[in-house]
Amino acid sequence: PPLVTGAQIGDSGTGLHLALGIVAALYQRNSTG
């Protein structure tokens, strides 16, 4: 059957993606205000 992995790619993986998005938004705010 299909299997899920022990690595938390859904929860922790998404958290890592969101952190990158936040840092990018902070950087863009420097120019847009």
Full PDB file with SEQRES, HELIX, SHEET, SSBOND, CRYST1, ORIGX, SCALE, CONECT and MASTER records, all heavy atoms in Angstrom:
SEQRES   1 A   33  PRO PRO LEU VAL THR GLY ALA GLN ILE GLY ASP SER GLY          
SEQRES   2 A   33  THR GLY LEU HIS LEU ALA LEU GLY ILE VAL ALA ALA LEU          
SEQRES   3 A   33  TYR GLN ARG ASN SER THR GLY                                  
HELIX    1 AA1 ASP A   11  THR A   32  1                                  22    
CRYST1    1.000    1.000    1.000  90.00  90.00  90.00 P 1           1          
ORIGX1      1.000000  0.000000  0.000000        0.00000                         
ORIGX2      0.000000  1.000000  0.000000        0.00000                         
ORIGX3      0.000000  0.000000  1.000000        0.00000                         
SCALE1      1.000000  0.000000  0.000000        0.00000                         
SCALE2      0.000000  1.000000  0.000000        0.00000                         
SCALE3      0.000000  0.000000  1.000000        0.00000                         
ATOM      1  N   PRO A   1       0.823  -1.207   0.000  1.00  0.00           N  
ATOM      2  CA  PRO A   1       0.000   0.000   0.000  1.00  0.00           C  
ATOM      3  C   PRO A   1       0.863   1.267   0.000  1.00  0.00           C  
ATOM      4  O   PRO A   1       2.072   1.200   0.243  1.00  0.00           O  
ATOM      5  CB  PRO A   1      -0.777  -0.114   1.312  1.00  0.00           C  
ATOM      6  CG  PRO A   1       0.176  -0.840   2.214  1.00  0.00           C  
ATOM      7  CD  PRO A   1       0.865  -1.842   1.328  1.00  0.00           C  
ATOM      8  N   PRO A   2       0.252   2.414  -0.252  1.00  0.00           N  
ATOM      9  CA  PRO A   2       0.983   3.676  -0.104  1.00  0.00           C  
ATOM     10  C   PRO A   2       1.481   3.810   1.334  1.00  0.00           C  
ATOM     11  O   PRO A   2       0.847   3.334   2.267  1.00  0.00           O  
ATOM     12  CB  PRO A   2      -0.067   4.745  -0.419  1.00  0.00           C  
ATOM     13  CG  PRO A   2      -1.133   4.037  -1.187  1.00  0.00           C  
ATOM     14  CD  PRO A   2      -1.145   2.631  -0.669  1.00  0.00           C  
ATOM     15  N   LEU A   3       2.631   4.485   1.508  1.00  0.00           N  
ATOM     16  CA  LEU A   3       3.208   4.651   2.834  1.00  0.00           C  
ATOM     17  C   LEU A   3       3.528   6.119   3.103  1.00  0.00           C  
ATOM     18  O   LEU A   3       3.892   6.853   2.189  1.00  0.00           O  
ATOM     19  CB  LEU A   3       4.501   3.834   2.968  1.00  0.00           C  
ATOM     20  CG  LEU A   3       4.387   2.314   2.959  1.00  0.00           C  
ATOM     21  CD1 LEU A   3       5.781   1.694   3.039  1.00  0.00           C  
ATOM     22  CD2 LEU A   3       3.524   1.827   4.118  1.00  0.00           C  
ATOM     23  N   VAL A   4       3.403   6.516   4.364  1.00  0.00           N  
ATOM     24  CA  VAL A   4       3.866   7.841   4.759  1.00  0.00           C  
ATOM     25  C   VAL A   4       5.280   7.697   5.313  1.00  0.00           C  
ATOM     26  O   VAL A   4       5.662   6.649   5.832  1.00  0.00           O  
ATOM     27  CB  VAL A   4       2.949   8.486   5.818  1.00  0.00           C  
ATOM     28  CG1 VAL A   4       1.579   8.756   5.230  1.00  0.00           C  
ATOM     29  CG2 VAL A   4       2.833   7.615   7.067  1.00  0.00           C  
ATOM     30  N   THR A   5       6.060   8.736   5.192  1.00  0.00           N  
ATOM     31  CA  THR A   5       7.436   8.705   5.656  1.00  0.00           C  
ATOM     32  C   THR A   5       7.534   9.167   7.102  1.00  0.00           C  
ATOM     33  O   THR A   5       6.681   9.925   7.583  1.00  0.00           O  
ATOM     34  CB  THR A   5       8.320   9.606   4.772  1.00  0.00           C  
ATOM     35  OG1 THR A   5       9.646   9.663   5.328  1.00  0.00           O  
ATOM     36  CG2 THR A   5       7.782  11.019   4.721  1.00  0.00           C  
ATOM     37  N   GLY A   6       8.583   8.715   7.804  1.00  0.00           N  
ATOM     38  CA  GLY A   6       8.791   9.146   9.179  1.00  0.00           C  
ATOM     39  C   GLY A   6       9.212  10.601   9.273  1.00  0.00           C  
ATOM     40  O   GLY A   6       9.022  11.239  10.309  1.00  0.00           O  
ATOM     41  N   ALA A   7       9.799  11.138   8.218  1.00  0.00           N  
ATOM     42  CA  ALA A   7      10.179  12.550   8.200  1.00  0.00           C  
ATOM     43  C   ALA A   7       8.921  13.405   8.108  1.00  0.00           C  
ATOM     44  O   ALA A   7       8.023  13.117   7.319  1.00  0.00           O  
ATOM     45  CB  ALA A   7      11.103  12.827   7.018  1.00  0.00           C  
ATOM     46  N   GLN A   8       8.855  14.457   8.905  1.00  0.00           N  
ATOM     47  CA  GLN A   8       7.654  15.288   8.954  1.00  0.00           C  
ATOM     48  C   GLN A   8       7.687  16.341   7.839  1.00  0.00           C  
ATOM     49  O   GLN A   8       7.788  17.547   8.072  1.00  0.00           O  
ATOM     50  CB  GLN A   8       7.556  15.955  10.319  1.00  0.00           C  
ATOM     51  CG  GLN A   8       7.543  14.969  11.476  1.00  0.00           C  
ATOM     52  CD  GLN A   8       6.273  14.127  11.513  1.00  0.00           C  
ATOM     53  OE1 GLN A   8       5.222  14.573  11.939  1.00  0.00           O  
ATOM     54  NE2 GLN A   8       6.365  12.891  11.040  1.00  0.00           N  
ATOM     55  N   ILE A   9       7.574  15.852   6.607  1.00  0.00           N  
ATOM     56  CA  ILE A   9       7.691  16.751   5.465  1.00  0.00           C  
ATOM     57  C   ILE A   9       6.450  17.632   5.308  1.00  0.00           C  
ATOM     58  O   ILE A   9       6.513  18.686   4.683  1.00  0.00           O  
ATOM     59  CB  ILE A   9       7.962  15.979   4.161  1.00  0.00           C  
ATOM     60  CG1 ILE A   9       6.820  15.003   3.840  1.00  0.00           C  
ATOM     61  CG2 ILE A   9       9.281  15.227   4.260  1.00  0.00           C  
ATOM     62  CD1 ILE A   9       6.980  14.309   2.498  1.00  0.00           C  
ATOM     63  N   GLY A  10       5.324  17.203   5.879  1.00  0.00           N  
ATOM     64  CA  GLY A  10       4.115  18.016   5.801  1.00  0.00           C  
ATOM     65  C   GLY A  10       4.140  19.151   6.799  1.00  0.00           C  
ATOM     66  O   GLY A  10       3.967  20.319   6.441  1.00  0.00           O  
ATOM     67  N   ASP A  11       4.376  18.847   8.061  1.00  0.00           N  
ATOM     68  CA  ASP A  11       4.394  19.866   9.109  1.00  0.00           C  
ATOM     69  C   ASP A  11       5.693  20.669   9.111  1.00  0.00           C  
ATOM     70  O   ASP A  11       5.713  21.853   8.799  1.00  0.00           O  
ATOM     71  CB  ASP A  11       4.179  19.219  10.477  1.00  0.00           C  
ATOM     72  CG  ASP A  11       2.711  18.986  10.794  1.00  0.00           C  
ATOM     73  OD1 ASP A  11       1.885  19.815  10.382  1.00  0.00           O  
ATOM     74  OD2 ASP A  11       2.390  17.989  11.446  1.00  0.00           O  
ATOM     75  N   SER A  12       6.784  20.023   9.479  1.00  0.00           N  
ATOM     76  CA  SER A  12       8.054  20.741   9.555  1.00  0.00           C  
ATOM     77  C   SER A  12       8.500  21.235   8.182  1.00  0.00           C  
ATOM     78  O   SER A  12       9.062  22.322   8.060  1.00  0.00           O  
ATOM     79  CB  SER A  12       9.128  19.845  10.174  1.00  0.00           C  
ATOM     80  OG  SER A  12       8.902  19.674  11.561  1.00  0.00           O  
ATOM     81  N   GLY A  13       8.243  20.443   7.153  1.00  0.00           N  
ATOM     82  CA  GLY A  13       8.603  20.878   5.799  1.00  0.00           C  
ATOM     83  C   GLY A  13       7.897  22.166   5.411  1.00  0.00           C  
ATOM     84  O   GLY A  13       8.494  23.073   4.824  1.00  0.00           O  
ATOM     85  N   THR A  14       6.615  22.270   5.740  1.00  0.00           N  
ATOM     86  CA  THR A  14       5.878  23.491   5.427  1.00  0.00           C  
ATOM     87  C   THR A  14       6.359  24.657   6.278  1.00  0.00           C  
ATOM     88  O   THR A  14       6.454  25.789   5.803  1.00  0.00           O  
ATOM     89  CB  THR A  14       4.369  23.268   5.646  1.00  0.00           C  
ATOM     90  OG1 THR A  14       3.939  22.153   4.855  1.00  0.00           O  
ATOM     91  CG2 THR A  14       3.572  24.498   5.231  1.00  0.00           C  
ATOM     92  N   GLY A  15       6.697  24.388   7.540  1.00  0.00           N  
ATOM     93  CA  GLY A  15       7.238  25.444   8.385  1.00  0.00           C  
ATOM     94  C   GLY A  15       8.507  26.042   7.819  1.00  0.00           C  
ATOM     95  O   GLY A  15       8.716  27.266   7.867  1.00  0.00           O  
ATOM     96  N   LEU A  16       9.364  25.199   7.257  1.00  0.00           N  
ATOM     97  CA  LEU A  16      10.595  25.688   6.643  1.00  0.00           C  
ATOM     98  C   LEU A  16      10.287  26.531   5.408  1.00  0.00           C  
ATOM     99  O   LEU A  16      10.916  27.574   5.176  1.00  0.00           O  
ATOM    100  CB  LEU A  16      11.495  24.515   6.266  1.00  0.00           C  
ATOM    101  CG  LEU A  16      12.007  23.666   7.431  1.00  0.00           C  
ATOM    102  CD1 LEU A  16      12.752  22.443   6.918  1.00  0.00           C  
ATOM    103  CD2 LEU A  16      12.917  24.485   8.337  1.00  0.00           C  
ATOM    104  N   HIS A  17       9.320  26.100   4.608  1.00  0.00           N  
ATOM    105  CA  HIS A  17       8.909  26.894   3.446  1.00  0.00           C  
ATOM    106  C   HIS A  17       8.383  28.264   3.885  1.00  0.00           C  
ATOM    107  O   HIS A  17       8.701  29.299   3.285  1.00  0.00           O  
ATOM    108  CB  HIS A  17       7.823  26.161   2.653  1.00  0.00           C  
ATOM    109  CG  HIS A  17       8.328  25.056   1.779  1.00  0.00           C  
ATOM    110  ND1 HIS A  17       8.604  23.796   2.245  1.00  0.00           N  
ATOM    111  CD2 HIS A  17       8.600  25.022   0.455  1.00  0.00           C  
ATOM    112  CE1 HIS A  17       9.023  23.021   1.248  1.00  0.00           C  
ATOM    113  NE2 HIS A  17       9.027  23.755   0.150  1.00  0.00           N  
ATOM    114  N   LEU A  18       7.559  28.270   4.941  1.00  0.00           N  
ATOM    115  CA  LEU A  18       6.975  29.526   5.405  1.00  0.00           C  
ATOM    116  C   LEU A  18       8.059  30.472   5.913  1.00  0.00           C  
ATOM    117  O   LEU A  18       7.986  31.686   5.676  1.00  0.00           O  
ATOM    118  CB  LEU A  18       5.950  29.258   6.507  1.00  0.00           C  
ATOM    119  CG  LEU A  18       5.139  30.491   6.950  1.00  0.00           C  
ATOM    120  CD1 LEU A  18       4.239  30.977   5.817  1.00  0.00           C  
ATOM    121  CD2 LEU A  18       4.300  30.185   8.187  1.00  0.00           C  
ATOM    122  N   ALA A  19       9.056  29.944   6.602  1.00  0.00           N  
ATOM    123  CA  ALA A  19      10.139  30.796   7.101  1.00  0.00           C  
ATOM    124  C   ALA A  19      10.853  31.495   5.952  1.00  0.00           C  
ATOM    125  O   ALA A  19      11.188  32.687   6.047  1.00  0.00           O  
ATOM    126  CB  ALA A  19      11.122  29.955   7.917  1.00  0.00           C  
ATOM    127  N   LEU A  20      11.073  30.783   4.871  1.00  0.00           N  
ATOM    128  CA  LEU A  20      11.707  31.396   3.703  1.00  0.00           C  
ATOM    129  C   LEU A  20      10.822  32.496   3.128  1.00  0.00           C  
ATOM    130  O   LEU A  20      11.304  33.581   2.763  1.00  0.00           O  
ATOM    131  CB  LEU A  20      11.994  30.333   2.640  1.00  0.00           C  
ATOM    132  CG  LEU A  20      12.572  30.835   1.323  1.00  0.00           C  
ATOM    133  CD1 LEU A  20      13.892  31.561   1.553  1.00  0.00           C  
ATOM    134  CD2 LEU A  20      12.773  29.679   0.345  1.00  0.00           C  
ATOM    135  N   GLY A  21       9.504  32.230   3.066  1.00  0.00           N  
ATOM    136  CA  GLY A  21       8.584  33.242   2.566  1.00  0.00           C  
ATOM    137  C   GLY A  21       8.583  34.499   3.427  1.00  0.00           C  
ATOM    138  O   GLY A  21       8.516  35.628   2.923  1.00  0.00           O  
ATOM    139  N   ILE A  22       8.674  34.321   4.742  1.00  0.00           N  
ATOM    140  CA  ILE A  22       8.691  35.458   5.661  1.00  0.00           C  
ATOM    141  C   ILE A  22       9.950  36.297   5.458  1.00  0.00           C  
ATOM    142  O   ILE A  22       9.891  37.535   5.385  1.00  0.00           O  
ATOM    143  CB  ILE A  22       8.602  34.967   7.120  1.00  0.00           C  
ATOM    144  CG1 ILE A  22       7.192  34.428   7.404  1.00  0.00           C  
ATOM    145  CG2 ILE A  22       8.953  36.077   8.099  1.00  0.00           C  
ATOM    146  CD1 ILE A  22       7.078  33.693   8.721  1.00  0.00           C  
ATOM    147  N   VAL A  23      11.091  35.642   5.363  1.00  0.00           N  
ATOM    148  CA  VAL A  23      12.345  36.378   5.165  1.00  0.00           C  
ATOM    149  C   VAL A  23      12.309  37.127   3.836  1.00  0.00           C  
ATOM    150  O   VAL A  23      12.770  38.277   3.745  1.00  0.00           O  
ATOM    151  CB  VAL A  23      13.543  35.409   5.228  1.00  0.00           C  
ATOM    152  CG1 VAL A  23      14.831  36.117   4.823  1.00  0.00           C  
ATOM    153  CG2 VAL A  23      13.692  34.837   6.640  1.00  0.00           C  
ATOM    154  N   ALA A  24      11.737  36.508   2.788  1.00  0.00           N  
ATOM    155  CA  ALA A  24      11.618  37.190   1.499  1.00  0.00           C  
ATOM    156  C   ALA A  24      10.705  38.411   1.612  1.00  0.00           C  
ATOM    157  O   ALA A  24      10.993  39.479   1.047  1.00  0.00           O  
ATOM    158  CB  ALA A  24      11.078  36.220   0.441  1.00  0.00           C  
ATOM    159  N   ALA A  25       9.592  38.271   2.350  1.00  0.00           N  
ATOM    160  CA  ALA A  25       8.666  39.397   2.527  1.00  0.00           C  
ATOM    161  C   ALA A  25       9.312  40.529   3.330  1.00  0.00           C  
ATOM    162  O   ALA A  25       9.090  41.713   3.050  1.00  0.00           O  
ATOM    163  CB  ALA A  25       7.387  38.917   3.212  1.00  0.00           C  
ATOM    164  N   LEU A  26      10.100  40.169   4.342  1.00  0.00           N  
ATOM    165  CA  LEU A  26      10.821  41.192   5.110  1.00  0.00           C  
ATOM    166  C   LEU A  26      11.804  41.939   4.225  1.00  0.00           C  
ATOM    167  O   LEU A  26      11.940  43.165   4.314  1.00  0.00           O  
ATOM    168  CB  LEU A  26      11.563  40.538   6.277  1.00  0.00           C  
ATOM    169  CG  LEU A  26      10.721  40.108   7.479  1.00  0.00           C  
ATOM    170  CD1 LEU A  26      11.539  39.219   8.413  1.00  0.00           C  
ATOM    171  CD2 LEU A  26      10.183  41.321   8.236  1.00  0.00           C  
ATOM    172  N   TYR A  27      12.476  41.218   3.357  1.00  0.00           N  
ATOM    173  CA  TYR A  27      13.439  41.852   2.454  1.00  0.00           C  
ATOM    174  C   TYR A  27      12.720  42.783   1.475  1.00  0.00           C  
ATOM    175  O   TYR A  27      13.167  43.912   1.235  1.00  0.00           O  
ATOM    176  CB  TYR A  27      14.219  40.779   1.695  1.00  0.00           C  
ATOM    177  CG  TYR A  27      15.331  41.335   0.833  1.00  0.00           C  
ATOM    178  CD1 TYR A  27      16.553  41.679   1.407  1.00  0.00           C  
ATOM    179  CD2 TYR A  27      15.165  41.516  -0.530  1.00  0.00           C  
ATOM    180  CE1 TYR A  27      17.579  42.191   0.631  1.00  0.00           C  
ATOM    181  CE2 TYR A  27      16.183  42.029  -1.313  1.00  0.00           C  
ATOM    182  CZ  TYR A  27      17.395  42.364  -0.732  1.00  0.00           C  
ATOM    183  OH  TYR A  27      18.406  42.875  -1.507  1.00  0.00           O  
ATOM    184  N   GLN A  28      11.587  42.325   0.918  1.00  0.00           N  
ATOM    185  CA  GLN A  28      10.851  43.162  -0.028  1.00  0.00           C  
ATOM    186  C   GLN A  28      10.297  44.405   0.658  1.00  0.00           C  
ATOM    187  O   GLN A  28      10.213  45.476   0.052  1.00  0.00           O  
ATOM    188  CB  GLN A  28       9.719  42.366  -0.677  1.00  0.00           C  
ATOM    189  CG  GLN A  28       9.001  43.141  -1.787  1.00  0.00           C  
ATOM    190  CD  GLN A  28       7.937  42.318  -2.484  1.00  0.00           C  
ATOM    191  OE1 GLN A  28       7.462  41.327  -1.956  1.00  0.00           O  
ATOM    192  NE2 GLN A  28       7.571  42.728  -3.690  1.00  0.00           N  
ATOM    193  N   ARG A  29       9.955  44.279   1.932  1.00  0.00           N  
ATOM    194  CA  ARG A  29       9.431  45.439   2.666  1.00  0.00           C  
ATOM    195  C   ARG A  29      10.449  46.572   2.751  1.00  0.00           C  
ATOM    196  O   ARG A  29      10.078  47.746   2.872  1.00  0.00           O  
ATOM    197  CB  ARG A  29       9.005  44.993   4.066  1.00  0.00           C  
ATOM    198  CG  ARG A  29       8.145  46.008   4.803  1.00  0.00           C  
ATOM    199  CD  ARG A  29       7.756  45.516   6.185  1.00  0.00           C  
ATOM    200  NE  ARG A  29       8.902  45.453   7.097  1.00  0.00           N  
ATOM    201  CZ  ARG A  29       8.815  45.141   8.385  1.00  0.00           C  
ATOM    202  NH1 ARG A  29       7.632  44.830   8.909  1.00  0.00           N  
ATOM    203  NH2 ARG A  29       9.886  45.107   9.143  1.00  0.00           N  
ATOM    204  N   ASN A  30      11.723  46.225   2.676  1.00  0.00           N  
ATOM    205  CA  ASN A  30      12.745  47.262   2.698  1.00  0.00           C  
ATOM    206  C   ASN A  30      12.598  48.239   1.545  1.00  0.00           C  
ATOM    207  O   ASN A  30      12.938  49.424   1.667  1.00  0.00           O  
ATOM    208  CB  ASN A  30      14.144  46.636   2.650  1.00  0.00           C  
ATOM    209  CG  ASN A  30      14.500  45.901   3.928  1.00  0.00           C  
ATOM    210  OD1 ASN A  30      13.998  46.242   5.000  1.00  0.00           O  
ATOM    211  ND2 ASN A  30      15.359  44.898   3.822  1.00  0.00           N  
ATOM    212  N   SER A  31      12.082  47.755   0.423  1.00  0.00           N  
ATOM    213  CA  SER A  31      11.925  48.628  -0.744  1.00  0.00           C  
ATOM    214  C   SER A  31      10.511  49.163  -0.903  1.00  0.00           C  
ATOM    215  O   SER A  31      10.315  50.277  -1.394  1.00  0.00           O  
ATOM    216  CB  SER A  31      12.338  47.878  -2.018  1.00  0.00           C  
ATOM    217  OG  SER A  31      11.559  46.702  -2.190  1.00  0.00           O  
ATOM    218  N   THR A  32       9.495  48.397  -0.458  1.00  0.00           N  
ATOM    219  CA  THR A  32       8.109  48.838  -0.644  1.00  0.00           C  
ATOM    220  C   THR A  32       7.570  49.588   0.561  1.00  0.00           C  
ATOM    221  O   THR A  32       6.645  50.388   0.439  1.00  0.00           O  
ATOM    222  CB  THR A  32       7.190  47.639  -0.923  1.00  0.00           C  
ATOM    223  OG1 THR A  32       7.138  46.800   0.244  1.00  0.00           O  
ATOM    224  CG2 THR A  32       7.690  46.827  -2.115  1.00  0.00           C  
ATOM    225  N   GLY A  33       8.096  49.282   1.744  1.00  0.00           N  
ATOM    226  CA  GLY A  33       7.611  49.909   2.969  1.00  0.00           C  
ATOM    227  C   GLY A  33       6.314  49.331   3.493  1.00  0.00           C  
ATOM    228  O   GLY A  33       5.768  49.834   4.483  1.00  0.00           O  
TER     229      GLY A  33                                                      
MASTER        0    0    0    1    0    0    0    6  228    1    0    3          
END                                                                             
